[in-house]
C-alpha cells in the first residue's frame, strides 16, 4: 500500500511471505515491509525502508536501509545507501552494516555507465567492493548490464577462517545480467 497525500512525502507498507521467497511462503515466513520517501529538494530524495518479522529460511529479525538519491546534473546521478541487518536463526546472530555509493552517467536514452564502491561489515569482518559497468536499454522492456567487480577483505586474506560470508575475496569478477520489465 502506498499513501502520497502529504506534500513531498510518500509512505508505503506491506507484507511478504519471507525474504527472497518469490510467490511461495517458505519456512513459515511472515513479515512487515514499510517505509517512507521524502523529496528534500527537486533534485534530492531521502528514502527509509524496513523489514521486520519472521523472514523465513534465514530466521527472524530486522533490516533497514537509508537511501539518498541526488541528481547532480541532468545526466549525472549520485546515490548513497546504508543498510543494517540483524537476524537470529537457531540461536546464531547475523549482524551486518554497510555503505554503498553509486555514480551514474547517462550517455544517451539507451546507454548509461556507472560505478559503485561498497563497504560491508559482516559479523565483525570488513569486505570492500568496487564495480564499473554499463546499462544498455536493448528494447523498451529489456535492459542488459555487464560489469566488472573487484572485491577484497584484508581480514579474510590474512586469515581465511574469518570469512563468515563465504565470499570469494581478493579477486576480480566479470558478470552480466538482464532485467525484463513486464
Protein backbone atom coordinates (compact mmCIF):
# COMPACT_ATOMS: atom_id res chain seq x y z
CA UNK A 1 0.00 0.00 0.00
CA UNK A 2 1.19 3.49 -0.81
CA UNK A 3 -0.06 6.81 0.51
CA UNK A 4 1.07 10.09 -1.04
CA UNK A 5 -1.43 12.58 0.41
CA UNK A 6 1.28 14.56 2.22
CA UNK A 7 3.26 17.10 0.19
CA UNK A 8 6.71 15.73 -0.84
CA UNK A 9 6.16 12.52 1.18
CA UNK A 10 5.24 9.00 0.15
CA UNK A 11 4.56 6.35 2.82
CA UNK A 12 4.35 2.67 2.00
CA UNK A 13 3.76 -0.61 3.79
CA UNK A 14 3.05 -4.22 3.04
CA UNK A 15 3.61 -7.84 3.91
CA UNK A 16 5.80 -10.61 2.48
CA UNK A 17 5.99 -14.37 2.90
CA UNK A 18 9.67 -14.19 3.90
CA UNK A 19 12.95 -12.99 2.46
CA UNK A 20 13.67 -13.97 -1.18
CA UNK A 21 10.64 -16.22 -1.44
CA UNK A 22 9.05 -15.08 -4.68
CA UNK A 23 5.50 -16.36 -4.89
CA UNK A 24 5.58 -19.08 -2.22
CA UNK A 25 5.72 -18.89 1.58
CA UNK A 26 8.96 -20.67 2.50
CA UNK A 27 9.70 -21.86 6.04
CA UNK A 28 6.72 -20.00 7.61
CA UNK A 29 7.92 -16.51 6.68
CA UNK A 30 5.63 -13.60 7.56
CA UNK A 31 6.97 -10.07 7.87
CA UNK A 32 6.14 -6.38 7.54
CA UNK A 33 7.70 -4.19 4.85
CA UNK A 34 7.42 -0.44 5.02
CA UNK A 35 9.00 2.94 4.81
CA UNK A 36 8.76 6.48 3.57
CA UNK A 37 10.27 8.65 0.88
CA UNK A 38 10.76 12.41 1.27
CA UNK A 39 11.59 14.82 -1.57
CA UNK A 40 14.07 17.13 0.16
CA UNK A 41 14.57 19.30 -2.96
CA UNK A 42 13.71 19.00 -6.64
CA UNK A 43 16.97 17.05 -7.07
CA UNK A 44 17.29 15.13 -3.76
CA UNK A 45 15.21 12.34 -2.25
CA UNK A 46 15.65 10.55 1.10
CA UNK A 47 14.09 7.09 1.43
CA UNK A 48 13.88 4.84 4.51
CA UNK A 49 12.71 1.22 4.25
CA UNK A 50 12.47 -1.58 6.79
CA UNK A 51 11.59 -5.25 7.06
CA UNK A 52 10.77 -6.84 10.40
CA UNK A 53 9.39 -10.22 11.49
CA UNK A 54 9.82 -13.86 10.52
CA UNK A 55 11.92 -13.71 7.34
CA UNK A 56 11.50 -17.42 6.58
CA UNK A 57 14.50 -19.68 5.96
CA UNK A 58 17.06 -17.09 7.11
CA UNK A 59 15.43 -16.54 10.52
CA UNK A 60 13.66 -13.69 12.33
CA UNK A 61 14.84 -10.15 12.65
CA UNK A 62 15.03 -6.65 11.33
CA UNK A 63 16.68 -4.86 8.44
CA UNK A 64 16.56 -1.26 7.24
CA UNK A 65 18.00 0.97 4.52
CA UNK A 66 18.54 4.70 4.19
CA UNK A 67 18.99 5.95 0.62
CA UNK A 68 19.83 9.47 -0.52
CA UNK A 69 19.45 9.99 -4.28
CA UNK A 70 20.81 13.22 -5.79
CA UNK A 71 20.54 14.38 -9.41
CA UNK A 72 23.81 16.33 -9.66
CA UNK A 73 23.13 17.35 -13.25
CA UNK A 74 20.66 16.30 -15.92
CA UNK A 75 22.94 13.36 -16.81
CA UNK A 76 24.88 12.66 -13.57
CA UNK A 77 23.28 10.94 -10.57
CA UNK A 78 24.77 10.10 -7.14
CA UNK A 79 23.27 7.65 -4.64
CA UNK A 80 24.46 6.77 -1.15
CA UNK A 81 22.82 3.92 0.75
CA UNK A 82 23.36 2.48 4.21
CA UNK A 83 21.92 -0.89 5.25
CA UNK A 84 21.70 -2.60 8.63
CA UNK A 85 20.57 -6.17 9.27
CA UNK A 86 20.15 -8.14 12.48
CA UNK A 87 18.74 -11.66 12.12
CA UNK A 88 18.57 -14.53 14.61
CA UNK A 89 18.46 -18.09 13.29
CA UNK A 90 18.71 -21.15 15.57
CA UNK A 91 20.47 -19.13 18.28
CA UNK A 92 23.04 -17.58 15.91
CA UNK A 93 23.05 -13.84 15.25
CA UNK A 94 23.69 -12.44 11.78
CA UNK A 95 24.67 -8.78 12.21
CA UNK A 96 25.72 -6.62 9.25
CA UNK A 97 26.07 -2.99 8.30
CA UNK A 98 27.18 -1.45 5.05
CA UNK A 99 27.50 1.67 2.96
CA UNK A 100 27.18 1.74 -0.85
CA UNK A 101 27.90 4.70 -3.10
CA UNK A 102 26.86 4.86 -6.75
CA UNK A 103 27.61 7.32 -9.54
CA UNK A 104 25.68 7.03 -12.83
CA UNK A 105 26.18 8.97 -16.03
CA UNK A 106 23.61 8.88 -18.86
CA UNK A 107 25.27 8.85 -22.26
CA UNK A 108 22.03 8.56 -24.26
CA UNK A 109 18.43 7.39 -23.93
CA UNK A 110 19.70 3.80 -24.28
CA UNK A 111 23.14 3.80 -22.61
CA UNK A 112 24.36 4.71 -19.12
CA UNK A 113 27.63 3.95 -17.33
CA UNK A 114 28.24 3.76 -13.63
CA UNK A 115 30.40 2.85 -10.71
CA UNK A 116 29.86 1.57 -7.19
CA UNK A 117 32.02 1.42 -4.07
CA UNK A 118 30.86 -0.61 -1.07
CA UNK A 119 31.99 -1.28 2.48
CA UNK A 120 30.22 -4.14 4.28
CA UNK A 121 30.85 -5.43 7.81
CA UNK A 122 29.50 -8.94 8.32
CA UNK A 123 29.75 -10.29 11.88
CA UNK A 124 32.89 -8.22 12.51
CA UNK A 125 34.67 -8.86 9.19
CA UNK A 126 35.15 -5.99 6.71
CA UNK A 127 34.54 -6.52 2.98
CA UNK A 128 35.15 -3.99 0.19
CA UNK A 129 33.96 -3.95 -3.39
CA UNK A 130 34.40 -1.68 -6.42
CA UNK A 131 32.32 -2.10 -9.59
CA UNK A 132 32.23 -0.43 -13.01
CA UNK A 133 29.56 -1.23 -15.55
CA UNK A 134 27.10 -0.14 -18.19
CA UNK A 135 23.34 -0.31 -18.74
CA UNK A 136 22.09 -0.94 -22.28
CA UNK A 137 18.37 -0.46 -22.93
CA UNK A 138 18.17 -3.04 -25.74
CA UNK A 139 14.36 -2.98 -26.02
CA UNK A 140 11.76 -0.86 -24.21
CA UNK A 141 11.35 -3.67 -21.64
CA UNK A 142 14.87 -5.23 -21.73
CA UNK A 143 17.98 -3.81 -20.05
CA UNK A 144 21.37 -5.62 -20.24
CA UNK A 145 24.02 -4.80 -17.60
CA UNK A 146 27.63 -6.04 -17.94
CA UNK A 147 30.01 -5.19 -15.09
CA UNK A 148 33.47 -5.80 -13.68
CA UNK A 149 33.81 -6.09 -9.91
CA UNK A 150 36.85 -6.28 -7.66
CA UNK A 151 36.20 -7.45 -4.10
CA UNK A 152 38.54 -7.99 -1.19
CA UNK A 153 38.74 -8.34 2.57
CA UNK A 154 42.04 -7.68 4.39
CA UNK A 155 40.92 -9.86 7.33
CA UNK A 156 39.98 -12.84 5.13
CA UNK A 157 43.18 -12.62 3.05
CA UNK A 158 45.18 -12.68 6.31
CA UNK A 159 43.04 -15.40 7.95
CA UNK A 160 40.55 -17.30 5.69
CA UNK A 161 38.78 -18.76 8.75
CA UNK A 162 37.11 -15.36 9.41
CA UNK A 163 35.23 -15.42 6.07
CA UNK A 164 31.77 -15.61 7.70
CA UNK A 165 30.06 -14.60 4.47
CA UNK A 166 31.70 -17.38 2.46
CA UNK A 167 32.54 -14.89 -0.30
CA UNK A 168 35.47 -15.20 -2.68
CA UNK A 169 37.87 -12.38 -1.81
CA UNK A 170 40.82 -10.56 -3.37
CA UNK A 171 39.66 -11.16 -6.92
CA UNK A 172 38.05 -9.59 -9.96
CA UNK A 173 34.76 -10.87 -11.35
CA UNK A 174 33.05 -10.17 -14.68
CA UNK A 175 29.29 -10.65 -14.80
CA UNK A 176 26.33 -9.72 -16.93
CA UNK A 177 22.62 -9.72 -16.15
CA UNK A 178 19.40 -8.64 -17.80
CA UNK A 179 16.22 -7.06 -16.49
CA UNK A 180 12.93 -7.75 -18.22
CA UNK A 181 10.08 -5.41 -17.26
CA UNK A 182 6.51 -6.64 -17.69
